[in-house]
């Protein structure tokens, strides 16, 4: 069975999950080339929609995601990548997971996690937000 990249305009969502804890760390997108590079290198490589190019997670921070297993959904149009995360977090805002806010019933978002690293020390002041 082949992954259906055409359904999503050449991209499929890739949910990144900690293989040990089950925590969802982030969501990115992959095209065929980034998936092939991920499989070859055993480190997660995404396709950046904003930059229109491949990017290896951790290329500037050192917080790489080492692939342990790749799962495909029943429609063959989404992936779950089980990883070992190197470093204190994957979020460019300094959290272990990109999912550090809880959306409340009133529409407000509440931060539910502590920062695990200082993003300005990892990415510089321009990239940290």
N, C-alpha and C. Protein backbone atom coordinates (compact mmCIF):
# COMPACT_ATOMS: atom_id res chain seq x y z
N UNK A 1 0.85 -1.18 0.00
CA UNK A 1 0.00 0.00 0.00
C UNK A 1 0.89 1.24 0.00
N UNK A 2 0.57 2.19 -0.86
CA UNK A 2 1.35 3.41 -0.98
C UNK A 2 0.65 4.57 -0.28
N UNK A 3 1.43 5.51 0.18
CA UNK A 3 0.88 6.70 0.83
C UNK A 3 0.28 7.60 -0.24
N UNK A 4 -0.91 8.12 0.06
CA UNK A 4 -1.65 8.97 -0.88
C UNK A 4 -1.28 10.44 -0.67
N UNK A 5 -0.21 10.87 -1.33
CA UNK A 5 0.23 12.26 -1.24
C UNK A 5 -0.68 13.19 -2.05
N UNK A 6 -1.36 12.66 -3.04
CA UNK A 6 -2.16 13.50 -3.93
C UNK A 6 -3.38 14.10 -3.24
N UNK A 7 -3.95 13.37 -2.31
CA UNK A 7 -5.15 13.84 -1.62
C UNK A 7 -4.92 15.18 -0.92
N UNK A 8 -3.71 15.38 -0.39
CA UNK A 8 -3.37 16.60 0.33
C UNK A 8 -2.50 17.54 -0.48
N UNK A 9 -2.60 17.47 -1.80
CA UNK A 9 -1.81 18.36 -2.63
C UNK A 9 -0.32 18.08 -2.59
N UNK A 10 0.05 16.83 -2.40
CA UNK A 10 1.45 16.45 -2.36
C UNK A 10 2.02 16.31 -0.96
N UNK A 11 1.19 16.60 0.06
CA UNK A 11 1.64 16.53 1.45
C UNK A 11 0.73 15.64 2.27
N UNK A 12 1.31 15.05 3.32
CA UNK A 12 0.52 14.33 4.31
C UNK A 12 0.91 14.86 5.69
N UNK A 13 -0.06 14.94 6.61
CA UNK A 13 0.29 15.32 7.98
C UNK A 13 1.06 14.20 8.65
N UNK A 14 2.04 14.60 9.46
CA UNK A 14 2.84 13.63 10.22
C UNK A 14 2.79 14.03 11.69
N UNK A 15 2.10 13.23 12.47
CA UNK A 15 1.98 13.46 13.90
C UNK A 15 3.22 12.85 14.55
N UNK A 16 3.93 13.65 15.34
CA UNK A 16 5.14 13.18 15.99
C UNK A 16 4.82 12.85 17.44
N UNK A 17 5.08 11.62 17.82
CA UNK A 17 4.70 11.12 19.15
C UNK A 17 5.91 10.49 19.83
N UNK A 18 6.08 10.78 21.12
CA UNK A 18 7.17 10.18 21.90
C UNK A 18 6.90 8.69 22.03
N UNK A 19 7.84 7.88 21.59
CA UNK A 19 7.62 6.42 21.59
C UNK A 19 7.54 5.84 22.99
N UNK A 20 8.15 6.50 23.95
CA UNK A 20 8.18 5.98 25.33
C UNK A 20 6.94 6.38 26.11
N UNK A 21 6.55 7.67 26.02
CA UNK A 21 5.44 8.18 26.85
C UNK A 21 4.11 8.25 26.12
N UNK A 22 4.14 8.26 24.79
CA UNK A 22 2.92 8.42 24.01
C UNK A 22 2.51 9.87 23.83
N UNK A 23 3.25 10.81 24.41
CA UNK A 23 2.91 12.23 24.29
C UNK A 23 3.04 12.70 22.84
N UNK A 24 2.03 13.45 22.37
CA UNK A 24 2.11 14.06 21.05
C UNK A 24 3.00 15.28 21.17
N UNK A 25 4.08 15.31 20.37
CA UNK A 25 5.05 16.38 20.47
C UNK A 25 4.81 17.49 19.46
N UNK A 26 4.42 17.14 18.26
CA UNK A 26 4.19 18.16 17.24
C UNK A 26 3.49 17.55 16.03
N UNK A 27 3.14 18.44 15.11
CA UNK A 27 2.56 18.04 13.84
C UNK A 27 3.33 18.76 12.75
N UNK A 28 3.72 18.03 11.74
CA UNK A 28 4.38 18.62 10.59
C UNK A 28 3.81 18.00 9.33
N UNK A 29 4.35 18.39 8.19
CA UNK A 29 3.90 17.84 6.92
C UNK A 29 5.08 17.23 6.18
N UNK A 30 4.80 16.16 5.47
CA UNK A 30 5.82 15.49 4.67
C UNK A 30 5.35 15.35 3.24
N UNK A 31 6.30 15.49 2.33
CA UNK A 31 6.05 15.09 0.95
C UNK A 31 6.85 13.82 0.72
N UNK A 32 6.81 13.28 -0.48
CA UNK A 32 7.50 12.02 -0.75
C UNK A 32 8.99 12.14 -0.46
N UNK A 33 9.60 13.24 -0.88
CA UNK A 33 11.04 13.43 -0.68
C UNK A 33 11.42 13.48 0.81
N UNK A 34 10.64 14.21 1.60
CA UNK A 34 10.96 14.30 3.03
C UNK A 34 10.74 12.96 3.73
N UNK A 35 9.73 12.22 3.31
CA UNK A 35 9.51 10.90 3.90
C UNK A 35 10.66 9.97 3.55
N UNK A 36 11.10 10.00 2.30
CA UNK A 36 12.22 9.16 1.90
C UNK A 36 13.48 9.51 2.68
N UNK A 37 13.73 10.80 2.88
CA UNK A 37 14.90 11.24 3.64
C UNK A 37 14.77 10.84 5.12
N UNK A 38 13.57 10.92 5.66
CA UNK A 38 13.31 10.49 7.03
C UNK A 38 13.61 9.00 7.17
N UNK A 39 13.15 8.23 6.23
CA UNK A 39 13.38 6.78 6.29
C UNK A 39 14.85 6.44 6.12
N UNK A 40 15.54 7.17 5.26
CA UNK A 40 16.96 6.92 5.02
C UNK A 40 17.82 7.30 6.23
N UNK A 41 17.58 8.51 6.78
CA UNK A 41 18.42 9.04 7.85
C UNK A 41 18.00 8.58 9.24
N UNK A 42 16.75 8.12 9.37
CA UNK A 42 16.14 7.74 10.64
C UNK A 42 16.01 8.93 11.59
N UNK A 43 16.01 10.15 11.03
CA UNK A 43 15.72 11.38 11.76
C UNK A 43 14.65 12.12 10.96
N UNK A 44 13.70 12.75 11.68
CA UNK A 44 12.54 13.34 11.02
C UNK A 44 12.92 14.55 10.17
N UNK A 45 12.46 14.49 8.92
CA UNK A 45 12.61 15.59 7.96
C UNK A 45 11.21 15.94 7.48
N UNK A 46 10.87 17.22 7.56
CA UNK A 46 9.56 17.70 7.13
C UNK A 46 9.68 18.48 5.82
N UNK A 47 8.52 18.80 5.26
CA UNK A 47 8.45 19.77 4.18
C UNK A 47 7.86 21.04 4.77
N UNK A 48 8.62 22.13 4.71
CA UNK A 48 8.14 23.41 5.24
C UNK A 48 7.25 24.07 4.21
N UNK A 49 5.99 24.26 4.56
CA UNK A 49 5.05 24.92 3.65
C UNK A 49 5.37 26.39 3.50
N UNK A 50 5.85 27.04 4.55
CA UNK A 50 6.13 28.47 4.48
C UNK A 50 7.41 28.76 3.69
N UNK A 51 8.39 27.88 3.78
CA UNK A 51 9.65 28.08 3.05
C UNK A 51 9.71 27.30 1.74
N UNK A 52 8.75 26.41 1.55
CA UNK A 52 8.67 25.59 0.34
C UNK A 52 9.95 24.77 0.13
N UNK A 53 10.41 24.15 1.22
CA UNK A 53 11.62 23.33 1.14
C UNK A 53 11.65 22.32 2.27
N UNK A 54 12.54 21.34 2.16
CA UNK A 54 12.73 20.36 3.22
C UNK A 54 13.42 21.01 4.40
N UNK A 55 13.09 20.55 5.60
CA UNK A 55 13.84 20.96 6.79
C UNK A 55 13.89 19.81 7.78
N UNK A 56 15.09 19.59 8.26
CA UNK A 56 15.31 18.54 9.25
C UNK A 56 15.05 19.11 10.62
N UNK A 57 14.14 18.49 11.36
CA UNK A 57 13.85 18.93 12.72
C UNK A 57 15.13 18.82 13.54
N UNK A 58 15.51 19.93 14.15
CA UNK A 58 16.71 19.96 14.97
C UNK A 58 17.94 20.49 14.26
N UNK A 59 17.79 20.89 12.99
CA UNK A 59 18.97 21.34 12.26
C UNK A 59 19.60 22.59 12.87
N UNK A 60 18.81 23.45 13.51
CA UNK A 60 19.40 24.62 14.17
C UNK A 60 19.46 24.45 15.69
N UNK A 61 18.55 23.70 16.27
CA UNK A 61 18.51 23.55 17.74
C UNK A 61 19.32 22.37 18.25
N UNK A 62 19.51 21.38 17.40
CA UNK A 62 20.12 20.13 17.85
C UNK A 62 19.12 19.17 18.47
N UNK A 63 17.86 19.58 18.57
CA UNK A 63 16.81 18.76 19.16
C UNK A 63 16.19 17.86 18.08
N UNK A 64 16.95 16.91 17.61
CA UNK A 64 16.50 16.04 16.53
C UNK A 64 15.50 15.01 17.04
N UNK A 65 14.77 14.45 16.11
CA UNK A 65 13.77 13.43 16.41
C UNK A 65 14.23 12.14 15.74
N UNK A 66 14.65 11.17 16.54
CA UNK A 66 15.14 9.89 16.02
C UNK A 66 13.96 8.94 15.82
N UNK A 67 13.79 8.49 14.61
CA UNK A 67 12.65 7.66 14.24
C UNK A 67 12.79 6.26 14.80
N UNK A 68 11.73 5.81 15.45
CA UNK A 68 11.66 4.44 15.94
C UNK A 68 10.68 3.61 15.11
N UNK A 69 9.59 4.25 14.67
CA UNK A 69 8.58 3.53 13.89
C UNK A 69 7.71 4.55 13.17
N UNK A 70 7.23 4.18 11.99
CA UNK A 70 6.31 5.05 11.23
C UNK A 70 5.04 4.25 10.98
N UNK A 71 3.91 4.84 11.38
CA UNK A 71 2.60 4.21 11.19
C UNK A 71 1.82 5.01 10.16
N UNK A 72 0.99 4.31 9.39
CA UNK A 72 0.16 4.94 8.36
C UNK A 72 -1.30 4.67 8.71
N UNK A 73 -2.15 5.65 8.50
CA UNK A 73 -3.57 5.45 8.81
C UNK A 73 -4.27 4.62 7.73
N UNK A 74 -5.53 4.28 7.98
CA UNK A 74 -6.29 3.40 7.11
C UNK A 74 -6.56 3.98 5.73
N UNK A 75 -6.58 5.31 5.60
CA UNK A 75 -6.78 5.95 4.30
C UNK A 75 -5.48 6.21 3.57
N UNK A 76 -4.37 5.89 4.20
CA UNK A 76 -3.03 6.07 3.64
C UNK A 76 -2.73 7.53 3.32
N UNK A 77 -3.29 8.45 4.16
CA UNK A 77 -3.04 9.87 3.91
C UNK A 77 -2.61 10.64 5.16
N UNK A 78 -2.13 9.91 6.18
CA UNK A 78 -1.62 10.54 7.39
C UNK A 78 -0.65 9.57 8.06
N UNK A 79 0.34 10.14 8.75
CA UNK A 79 1.35 9.33 9.42
C UNK A 79 1.44 9.66 10.90
N UNK A 80 1.82 8.67 11.68
CA UNK A 80 2.25 8.87 13.06
C UNK A 80 3.70 8.39 13.09
N UNK A 81 4.58 9.26 13.54
CA UNK A 81 6.00 8.90 13.62
C UNK A 81 6.36 8.82 15.09
N UNK A 82 6.69 7.62 15.53
CA UNK A 82 7.12 7.40 16.91
C UNK A 82 8.61 7.68 16.97
N UNK A 83 8.99 8.55 17.93
CA UNK A 83 10.36 9.03 17.97
C UNK A 83 10.96 8.97 19.36
N UNK A 84 12.27 9.05 19.38
CA UNK A 84 13.03 9.38 20.58
C UNK A 84 13.47 10.82 20.35
N UNK A 85 13.04 11.72 21.22
CA UNK A 85 13.36 13.14 21.06
C UNK A 85 14.66 13.46 21.77
N UNK A 86 15.63 13.99 21.04
CA UNK A 86 16.90 14.43 21.62
C UNK A 86 16.74 15.88 22.05
N UNK A 87 17.10 16.18 23.25
CA UNK A 87 16.98 17.55 23.73
C UNK A 87 15.80 17.72 24.65
N UNK A 88 15.68 18.92 25.24
CA UNK A 88 14.65 19.17 26.24
C UNK A 88 13.26 19.45 25.68
N UNK A 89 13.14 19.66 24.38
CA UNK A 89 11.83 19.96 23.82
C UNK A 89 11.89 20.11 22.32
N UNK A 90 10.72 20.11 21.70
CA UNK A 90 10.65 20.25 20.25
C UNK A 90 10.03 21.57 19.80
N UNK A 91 9.36 22.27 20.70
CA UNK A 91 8.64 23.49 20.34
C UNK A 91 9.59 24.69 20.28
N UNK A 92 9.45 25.48 19.21
CA UNK A 92 10.31 26.66 19.06
C UNK A 92 10.01 27.74 20.11
N UNK A 93 8.94 27.54 20.89
CA UNK A 93 8.63 28.48 21.97
C UNK A 93 9.20 28.00 23.31
N UNK A 94 9.94 26.88 23.31
CA UNK A 94 10.64 26.44 24.50
C UNK A 94 9.97 25.36 25.32
N UNK A 95 8.99 24.69 24.75
CA UNK A 95 8.26 23.64 25.47
C UNK A 95 8.63 22.25 24.94
N UNK A 96 8.42 21.25 25.76
CA UNK A 96 8.69 19.88 25.33
C UNK A 96 7.82 19.51 24.12
N UNK A 97 6.56 19.92 24.14
CA UNK A 97 5.60 19.63 23.08
C UNK A 97 5.06 20.94 22.52
N UNK A 98 4.71 20.93 21.26
CA UNK A 98 4.05 22.10 20.67
C UNK A 98 2.62 22.26 21.19
N UNK A 99 2.09 21.21 21.80
CA UNK A 99 0.73 21.23 22.33
C UNK A 99 0.77 21.56 23.82
N UNK A 100 1.13 22.80 24.14
CA UNK A 100 1.27 23.23 25.53
C UNK A 100 0.15 24.16 25.98
N UNK A 101 -0.85 24.34 25.13
CA UNK A 101 -2.01 25.17 25.48
C UNK A 101 -3.28 24.33 25.45
N UNK A 102 -4.15 24.59 26.40
CA UNK A 102 -5.45 23.93 26.45
C UNK A 102 -6.49 24.94 26.02
N UNK A 103 -7.31 24.58 25.06
CA UNK A 103 -8.38 25.45 24.60
C UNK A 103 -9.58 25.27 25.52
N UNK A 104 -9.95 26.34 26.20
CA UNK A 104 -11.05 26.31 27.17
C UNK A 104 -12.39 26.45 26.45
N UNK A 105 -13.49 26.11 27.14
CA UNK A 105 -14.84 26.19 26.57
C UNK A 105 -15.20 27.61 26.14
N UNK A 106 -14.62 28.61 26.83
CA UNK A 106 -14.93 30.01 26.50
C UNK A 106 -14.09 30.54 25.34
N UNK A 107 -13.23 29.67 24.78
CA UNK A 107 -12.41 30.08 23.64
C UNK A 107 -11.02 30.56 24.01
N UNK A 108 -10.77 30.76 25.29
CA UNK A 108 -9.44 31.18 25.73
C UNK A 108 -8.50 29.99 25.76
N UNK A 109 -7.22 30.27 25.59
CA UNK A 109 -6.20 29.22 25.67
C UNK A 109 -5.39 29.42 26.94
N UNK A 110 -5.18 28.33 27.67
CA UNK A 110 -4.43 28.35 28.91
C UNK A 110 -3.17 27.53 28.73
N UNK A 111 -2.02 28.09 29.12
CA UNK A 111 -0.77 27.35 29.08
C UNK A 111 -0.80 26.29 30.18
N UNK A 112 -0.54 25.04 29.82
CA UNK A 112 -0.64 23.93 30.77
C UNK A 112 0.69 23.22 31.00
N UNK A 113 1.78 23.81 30.52
CA UNK A 113 3.09 23.18 30.67
C UNK A 113 4.13 24.23 31.04
N UNK A 114 5.24 23.78 31.53
CA UNK A 114 6.36 24.66 31.85
C UNK A 114 7.35 24.63 30.68
N UNK A 115 8.02 25.74 30.46
CA UNK A 115 9.08 25.75 29.46
C UNK A 115 10.19 24.81 29.90
N UNK A 116 10.78 24.13 28.93
CA UNK A 116 11.87 23.21 29.23
C UNK A 116 13.22 23.74 28.75
N UNK A 117 13.20 24.82 27.95
CA UNK A 117 14.43 25.46 27.53
C UNK A 117 14.12 26.89 27.11
N UNK A 118 15.17 27.71 27.07
CA UNK A 118 15.03 29.11 26.68
C UNK A 118 15.22 29.22 25.16
N UNK A 119 14.15 29.48 24.42
CA UNK A 119 14.26 29.48 22.96
C UNK A 119 15.26 30.51 22.42
N UNK A 120 15.38 31.66 23.08
CA UNK A 120 16.31 32.68 22.59
C UNK A 120 17.76 32.22 22.69
N UNK A 121 18.06 31.30 23.61
CA UNK A 121 19.41 30.76 23.71
C UNK A 121 19.69 29.72 22.64
N UNK A 122 18.63 29.07 22.16
CA UNK A 122 18.78 28.02 21.15
C UNK A 122 18.69 28.61 19.74
N UNK A 123 17.72 29.48 19.51
CA UNK A 123 17.44 29.98 18.16
C UNK A 123 17.91 31.41 17.93
N UNK A 124 18.26 32.12 18.99
CA UNK A 124 18.56 33.55 18.87
C UNK A 124 17.30 34.36 19.07
N UNK A 125 17.45 35.62 19.31
CA UNK A 125 16.30 36.49 19.61
C UNK A 125 15.36 36.67 18.44
N UNK A 126 15.87 36.66 17.20
CA UNK A 126 15.01 36.90 16.04
C UNK A 126 13.99 35.80 15.83
N UNK A 127 14.42 34.52 16.00
CA UNK A 127 13.53 33.40 15.73
C UNK A 127 12.61 33.05 16.90
N UNK A 128 13.06 33.34 18.12
CA UNK A 128 12.25 33.00 19.30
C UNK A 128 11.07 33.97 19.37
N UNK A 129 9.86 33.41 19.62
CA UNK A 129 8.70 34.27 19.76
C UNK A 129 8.00 33.94 21.05
